[in-house]
């Protein structure tokens, strides 16, 4: 295994992205991809290329080179609604890579993207039971604002410095 790199989605990544979602275990599906919602959001990159929805979203893949030269997707982060002052973040890490600082690296990438787009902060939600994620978000400076209106999730905000 090599060191993972984090880069924007590329035109040829569709199969790699689908494989990433296919390999998700039950916990990751429950917390991040119920009813394939986040897979479908990721696939917008190809299915709706050039639309406002895709143009207002940053999609990043964390990939690791394999011995055969192929790339394995080990993490995913996106920021959507970049035309708003406070965009939404979504993040997932491949099961075998959790606890190895991949989430921190992905969140740093999303933070940098938000700064480059002159955003004032980043919002995310997480299920009440996702204590691992909550610990990461709080370490990364996100503030728990309370319960999201959907009922079973907490709402977190990262405030970004303003010039």
C-alpha atoms as a PDB file:
ATOM      1  CA  UNK A   1       0.000   0.000   0.000  1.00  0.00           C
ATOM      2  CA  UNK A   2       1.097   3.546  -0.751  1.00  0.00           C
ATOM      3  CA  UNK A   3       0.198   6.841   0.893  1.00  0.00           C
ATOM      4  CA  UNK A   4      -3.305   7.931  -0.072  1.00  0.00           C
ATOM      5  CA  UNK A   5      -3.711  11.128  -2.054  1.00  0.00           C
ATOM      6  CA  UNK A   6      -6.774  13.351  -1.997  1.00  0.00           C
ATOM      7  CA  UNK A   7      -7.838  14.787  -5.319  1.00  0.00           C
ATOM      8  CA  UNK A   8     -10.945  16.037  -7.114  1.00  0.00           C
ATOM      9  CA  UNK A   9     -13.120  13.505  -8.905  1.00  0.00           C
ATOM     10  CA  UNK A  10     -12.002  12.807 -12.477  1.00  0.00           C
ATOM     11  CA  UNK A  11     -14.009  11.831 -15.538  1.00  0.00           C
ATOM     12  CA  UNK A  12     -12.810   8.203 -15.364  1.00  0.00           C
ATOM     13  CA  UNK A  13     -13.572   7.656 -11.649  1.00  0.00           C
ATOM     14  CA  UNK A  14     -17.171   6.440 -11.914  1.00  0.00           C
ATOM     15  CA  UNK A  15     -16.395   2.704 -11.499  1.00  0.00           C
ATOM     16  CA  UNK A  16     -14.017   3.407  -8.607  1.00  0.00           C
ATOM     17  CA  UNK A  17     -16.690   5.506  -6.870  1.00  0.00           C
ATOM     18  CA  UNK A  18     -19.307   2.779  -7.342  1.00  0.00           C
ATOM     19  CA  UNK A  19     -16.887   0.190  -5.907  1.00  0.00           C
ATOM     20  CA  UNK A  20     -16.348   2.455  -2.874  1.00  0.00           C
ATOM     21  CA  UNK A  21     -20.080   2.519  -2.176  1.00  0.00           C
ATOM     22  CA  UNK A  22     -20.488  -1.213  -2.947  1.00  0.00           C
ATOM     23  CA  UNK A  23     -17.944  -2.197  -0.269  1.00  0.00           C
ATOM     24  CA  UNK A  24     -19.534  -0.174   2.556  1.00  0.00           C
ATOM     25  CA  UNK A  25     -20.402  -2.170   5.644  1.00  0.00           C
ATOM     26  CA  UNK A  26     -23.791  -1.932   7.380  1.00  0.00           C
ATOM     27  CA  UNK A  27     -22.688   0.759   9.854  1.00  0.00           C
ATOM     28  CA  UNK A  28     -21.299   3.037   7.134  1.00  0.00           C
ATOM     29  CA  UNK A  29     -24.395   2.530   4.988  1.00  0.00           C
ATOM     30  CA  UNK A  30     -26.595   3.378   7.977  1.00  0.00           C
ATOM     31  CA  UNK A  31     -24.672   6.531   8.888  1.00  0.00           C
ATOM     32  CA  UNK A  32     -23.805   7.752   5.382  1.00  0.00           C
ATOM     33  CA  UNK A  33     -25.588   6.004   2.529  1.00  0.00           C
ATOM     34  CA  UNK A  34     -29.106   4.979   3.554  1.00  0.00           C
ATOM     35  CA  UNK A  35     -31.183   4.279   0.443  1.00  0.00           C
ATOM     36  CA  UNK A  36     -28.072   5.002  -1.681  1.00  0.00           C
ATOM     37  CA  UNK A  37     -28.617   8.734  -1.152  1.00  0.00           C
ATOM     38  CA  UNK A  38     -24.926   9.677  -1.046  1.00  0.00           C
ATOM     39  CA  UNK A  39     -23.989   7.305  -3.886  1.00  0.00           C
ATOM     40  CA  UNK A  40     -26.631   9.007  -6.024  1.00  0.00           C
ATOM     41  CA  UNK A  41     -25.285  12.400  -4.977  1.00  0.00           C
ATOM     42  CA  UNK A  42     -21.740  11.366  -5.957  1.00  0.00           C
ATOM     43  CA  UNK A  43     -22.949  10.048  -9.318  1.00  0.00           C
ATOM     44  CA  UNK A  44     -24.379  13.489 -10.121  1.00  0.00           C
ATOM     45  CA  UNK A  45     -20.774  14.401 -10.959  1.00  0.00           C
ATOM     46  CA  UNK A  46     -21.205  12.313 -14.141  1.00  0.00           C
ATOM     47  CA  UNK A  47     -24.974  12.168 -14.591  1.00  0.00           C
ATOM     48  CA  UNK A  48     -25.507  15.930 -14.302  1.00  0.00           C
ATOM     49  CA  UNK A  49     -22.109  17.278 -15.389  1.00  0.00           C
ATOM     50  CA  UNK A  50     -22.180  21.005 -16.115  1.00  0.00           C
ATOM     51  CA  UNK A  51     -25.358  21.719 -14.137  1.00  0.00           C
ATOM     52  CA  UNK A  52     -25.568  24.287 -11.339  1.00  0.00           C
ATOM     53  CA  UNK A  53     -25.824  21.476  -8.783  1.00  0.00           C
ATOM     54  CA  UNK A  54     -22.517  19.942  -9.867  1.00  0.00           C
ATOM     55  CA  UNK A  55     -20.845  23.311 -10.429  1.00  0.00           C
ATOM     56  CA  UNK A  56     -21.702  24.314  -6.848  1.00  0.00           C
ATOM     57  CA  UNK A  57     -20.187  21.147  -5.367  1.00  0.00           C
ATOM     58  CA  UNK A  58     -16.615  20.021  -4.689  1.00  0.00           C
ATOM     59  CA  UNK A  59     -16.157  16.249  -4.876  1.00  0.00           C
ATOM     60  CA  UNK A  60     -12.911  14.738  -3.546  1.00  0.00           C
ATOM     61  CA  UNK A  61     -11.679  11.143  -3.545  1.00  0.00           C
ATOM     62  CA  UNK A  62      -8.917   9.817  -1.320  1.00  0.00           C
ATOM     63  CA  UNK A  63      -7.168   7.183  -3.407  1.00  0.00           C
ATOM     64  CA  UNK A  64      -4.361   4.743  -2.873  1.00  0.00           C
ATOM     65  CA  UNK A  65      -2.314   3.120  -5.654  1.00  0.00           C
ATOM     66  CA  UNK A  66      -2.554  -0.658  -5.731  1.00  0.00           C
ATOM     67  CA  UNK A  67       0.191  -3.092  -6.788  1.00  0.00           C
ATOM     68  CA  UNK A  68      -1.470  -3.529 -10.189  1.00  0.00           C
ATOM     69  CA  UNK A  69      -1.385   0.244 -10.767  1.00  0.00           C
ATOM     70  CA  UNK A  70      -5.100   0.776 -10.205  1.00  0.00           C
ATOM     71  CA  UNK A  71      -6.495   3.208  -7.643  1.00  0.00           C
ATOM     72  CA  UNK A  72      -8.538   2.173  -4.630  1.00  0.00           C
ATOM     73  CA  UNK A  73     -10.889   4.801  -3.244  1.00  0.00           C
ATOM     74  CA  UNK A  74     -10.392   4.912   0.526  1.00  0.00           C
ATOM     75  CA  UNK A  75     -12.374   8.043   1.345  1.00  0.00           C
ATOM     76  CA  UNK A  76     -14.813  10.590  -0.016  1.00  0.00           C
ATOM     77  CA  UNK A  77     -15.723  14.120   0.975  1.00  0.00           C
ATOM     78  CA  UNK A  78     -17.944  16.700  -0.659  1.00  0.00           C
ATOM     79  CA  UNK A  79     -19.081  20.238  -0.075  1.00  0.00           C
ATOM     80  CA  UNK A  80     -22.348  21.205  -1.725  1.00  0.00           C
ATOM     81  CA  UNK A  81     -24.122  24.526  -2.121  1.00  0.00           C
ATOM     82  CA  UNK A  82     -20.846  26.410  -2.440  1.00  0.00           C
ATOM     83  CA  UNK A  83     -22.844  29.390  -3.706  1.00  0.00           C
ATOM     84  CA  UNK A  84     -24.186  29.742  -0.147  1.00  0.00           C
ATOM     85  CA  UNK A  85     -22.216  31.317   2.701  1.00  0.00           C
ATOM     86  CA  UNK A  86     -22.263  28.016   4.620  1.00  0.00           C
ATOM     87  CA  UNK A  87     -22.141  24.858   2.444  1.00  0.00           C
ATOM     88  CA  UNK A  88     -22.934  21.290   3.560  1.00  0.00           C
ATOM     89  CA  UNK A  89     -20.268  18.631   4.060  1.00  0.00           C
ATOM     90  CA  UNK A  90     -20.528  14.882   3.641  1.00  0.00           C
ATOM     91  CA  UNK A  91     -17.730  12.423   4.415  1.00  0.00           C
ATOM     92  CA  UNK A  92     -17.115   8.672   4.395  1.00  0.00           C
ATOM     93  CA  UNK A  93     -14.013   6.545   4.953  1.00  0.00           C
ATOM     94  CA  UNK A  94     -13.489   2.950   3.802  1.00  0.00           C
ATOM     95  CA  UNK A  95     -13.887   0.606   6.780  1.00  0.00           C
ATOM     96  CA  UNK A  96     -10.265  -0.600   6.827  1.00  0.00           C
ATOM     97  CA  UNK A  97      -9.004   3.004   6.869  1.00  0.00           C
ATOM     98  CA  UNK A  98     -11.009   4.344   9.798  1.00  0.00           C
ATOM     99  CA  UNK A  99      -8.905   5.419  12.760  1.00  0.00           C
ATOM    100  CA  UNK A 100      -5.903   6.214  10.522  1.00  0.00           C
ATOM    101  CA  UNK A 101      -6.466   9.994  10.202  1.00  0.00           C
ATOM    102  CA  UNK A 102      -8.073   9.740   6.758  1.00  0.00           C
ATOM    103  CA  UNK A 103     -11.184  11.558   7.995  1.00  0.00           C
ATOM    104  CA  UNK A 104      -9.056  14.422   9.303  1.00  0.00           C
ATOM    105  CA  UNK A 105      -7.244  14.718   5.970  1.00  0.00           C
ATOM    106  CA  UNK A 106     -10.527  14.715   4.049  1.00  0.00           C
ATOM    107  CA  UNK A 107     -12.027  17.347   6.344  1.00  0.00           C
ATOM    108  CA  UNK A 108      -8.906  19.516   5.975  1.00  0.00           C
ATOM    109  CA  UNK A 109      -9.375  19.309   2.198  1.00  0.00           C
ATOM    110  CA  UNK A 110     -13.030  20.345   2.478  1.00  0.00           C
ATOM    111  CA  UNK A 111     -12.101  23.212   4.814  1.00  0.00           C
ATOM    112  CA  UNK A 112      -9.536  24.489   2.305  1.00  0.00           C
ATOM    113  CA  UNK A 113     -12.127  24.279  -0.481  1.00  0.00           C
ATOM    114  CA  UNK A 114     -14.585  26.310   1.612  1.00  0.00           C
ATOM    115  CA  UNK A 115     -11.930  28.946   2.323  1.00  0.00           C
ATOM    116  CA  UNK A 116     -11.090  29.174  -1.396  1.00  0.00           C
ATOM    117  CA  UNK A 117     -14.800  29.750  -2.110  1.00  0.00           C
ATOM    118  CA  UNK A 118     -14.979  32.508   0.556  1.00  0.00           C
ATOM    119  CA  UNK A 119     -17.441  30.571   2.694  1.00  0.00           C
ATOM    120  CA  UNK A 120     -18.149  31.613   6.263  1.00  0.00           C
ATOM    121  CA  UNK A 121     -18.427  28.091   7.625  1.00  0.00           C
ATOM    122  CA  UNK A 122     -19.357  24.478   6.960  1.00  0.00           C
ATOM    123  CA  UNK A 123     -22.444  22.576   8.110  1.00  0.00           C
ATOM    124  CA  UNK A 124     -22.846  18.847   8.596  1.00  0.00           C
ATOM    125  CA  UNK A 125     -25.256  16.466  10.234  1.00  0.00           C
ATOM    126  CA  UNK A 126     -24.531  13.145  11.859  1.00  0.00           C
ATOM    127  CA  UNK A 127     -26.666  10.439  13.410  1.00  0.00           C
ATOM    128  CA  UNK A 128     -26.899  10.450  17.216  1.00  0.00           C
ATOM    129  CA  UNK A 129     -25.212   7.028  17.326  1.00  0.00           C
ATOM    130  CA  UNK A 130     -22.192   8.078  15.211  1.00  0.00           C
ATOM    131  CA  UNK A 131     -19.966   8.780  18.198  1.00  0.00           C
ATOM    132  CA  UNK A 132     -16.746   8.153  16.233  1.00  0.00           C
ATOM    133  CA  UNK A 133     -17.731  10.830  13.717  1.00  0.00           C
ATOM    134  CA  UNK A 134     -18.836  13.235  16.452  1.00  0.00           C
ATOM    135  CA  UNK A 135     -15.446  12.927  18.129  1.00  0.00           C
ATOM    136  CA  UNK A 136     -13.681  13.740  14.863  1.00  0.00           C
ATOM    137  CA  UNK A 137     -15.927  16.707  14.108  1.00  0.00           C
ATOM    138  CA  UNK A 138     -15.373  18.195  17.558  1.00  0.00           C
ATOM    139  CA  UNK A 139     -11.582  17.687  17.290  1.00  0.00           C
ATOM    140  CA  UNK A 140     -11.699  19.484  13.941  1.00  0.00           C
ATOM    141  CA  UNK A 141     -13.355  22.517  15.542  1.00  0.00           C
ATOM    142  CA  UNK A 142     -16.989  21.859  14.670  1.00  0.00           C
ATOM    143  CA  UNK A 143     -19.527  23.061  17.228  1.00  0.00           C
ATOM    144  CA  UNK A 144     -22.598  20.946  17.983  1.00  0.00           C
ATOM    145  CA  UNK A 145     -25.550  23.301  17.537  1.00  0.00           C
ATOM    146  CA  UNK A 146     -28.216  20.817  18.588  1.00  0.00           C
ATOM    147  CA  UNK A 147     -30.668  18.441  17.022  1.00  0.00           C
ATOM    148  CA  UNK A 148     -31.309  18.773  13.273  1.00  0.00           C
ATOM    149  CA  UNK A 149     -34.936  19.167  12.223  1.00  0.00           C
ATOM    150  CA  UNK A 150     -34.921  15.631  10.732  1.00  0.00           C
ATOM    151  CA  UNK A 151     -35.021  14.326  14.314  1.00  0.00           C
ATOM    152  CA  UNK A 152     -32.297  11.679  14.540  1.00  0.00           C
ATOM    153  CA  UNK A 153     -29.219  13.769  13.770  1.00  0.00           C
ATOM    154  CA  UNK A 154     -27.072  16.422  15.363  1.00  0.00           C
ATOM    155  CA  UNK A 155     -26.230  19.590  13.457  1.00  0.00           C
ATOM    156  CA  UNK A 156     -22.597  20.766  13.510  1.00  0.00           C
ATOM    157  CA  UNK A 157     -21.049  24.027  12.336  1.00  0.00           C
ATOM    158  CA  UNK A 158     -17.456  24.962  11.646  1.00  0.00           C
ATOM    159  CA  UNK A 159     -16.984  28.732  11.604  1.00  0.00           C
ATOM    160  CA  UNK A 160     -14.282  29.880   9.212  1.00  0.00           C
ATOM    161  CA  UNK A 161     -12.181  32.996   9.765  1.00  0.00           C
ATOM    162  CA  UNK A 162     -13.300  36.019   7.777  1.00  0.00           C
ATOM    163  CA  UNK A 163     -10.912  38.550   6.238  1.00  0.00           C
END
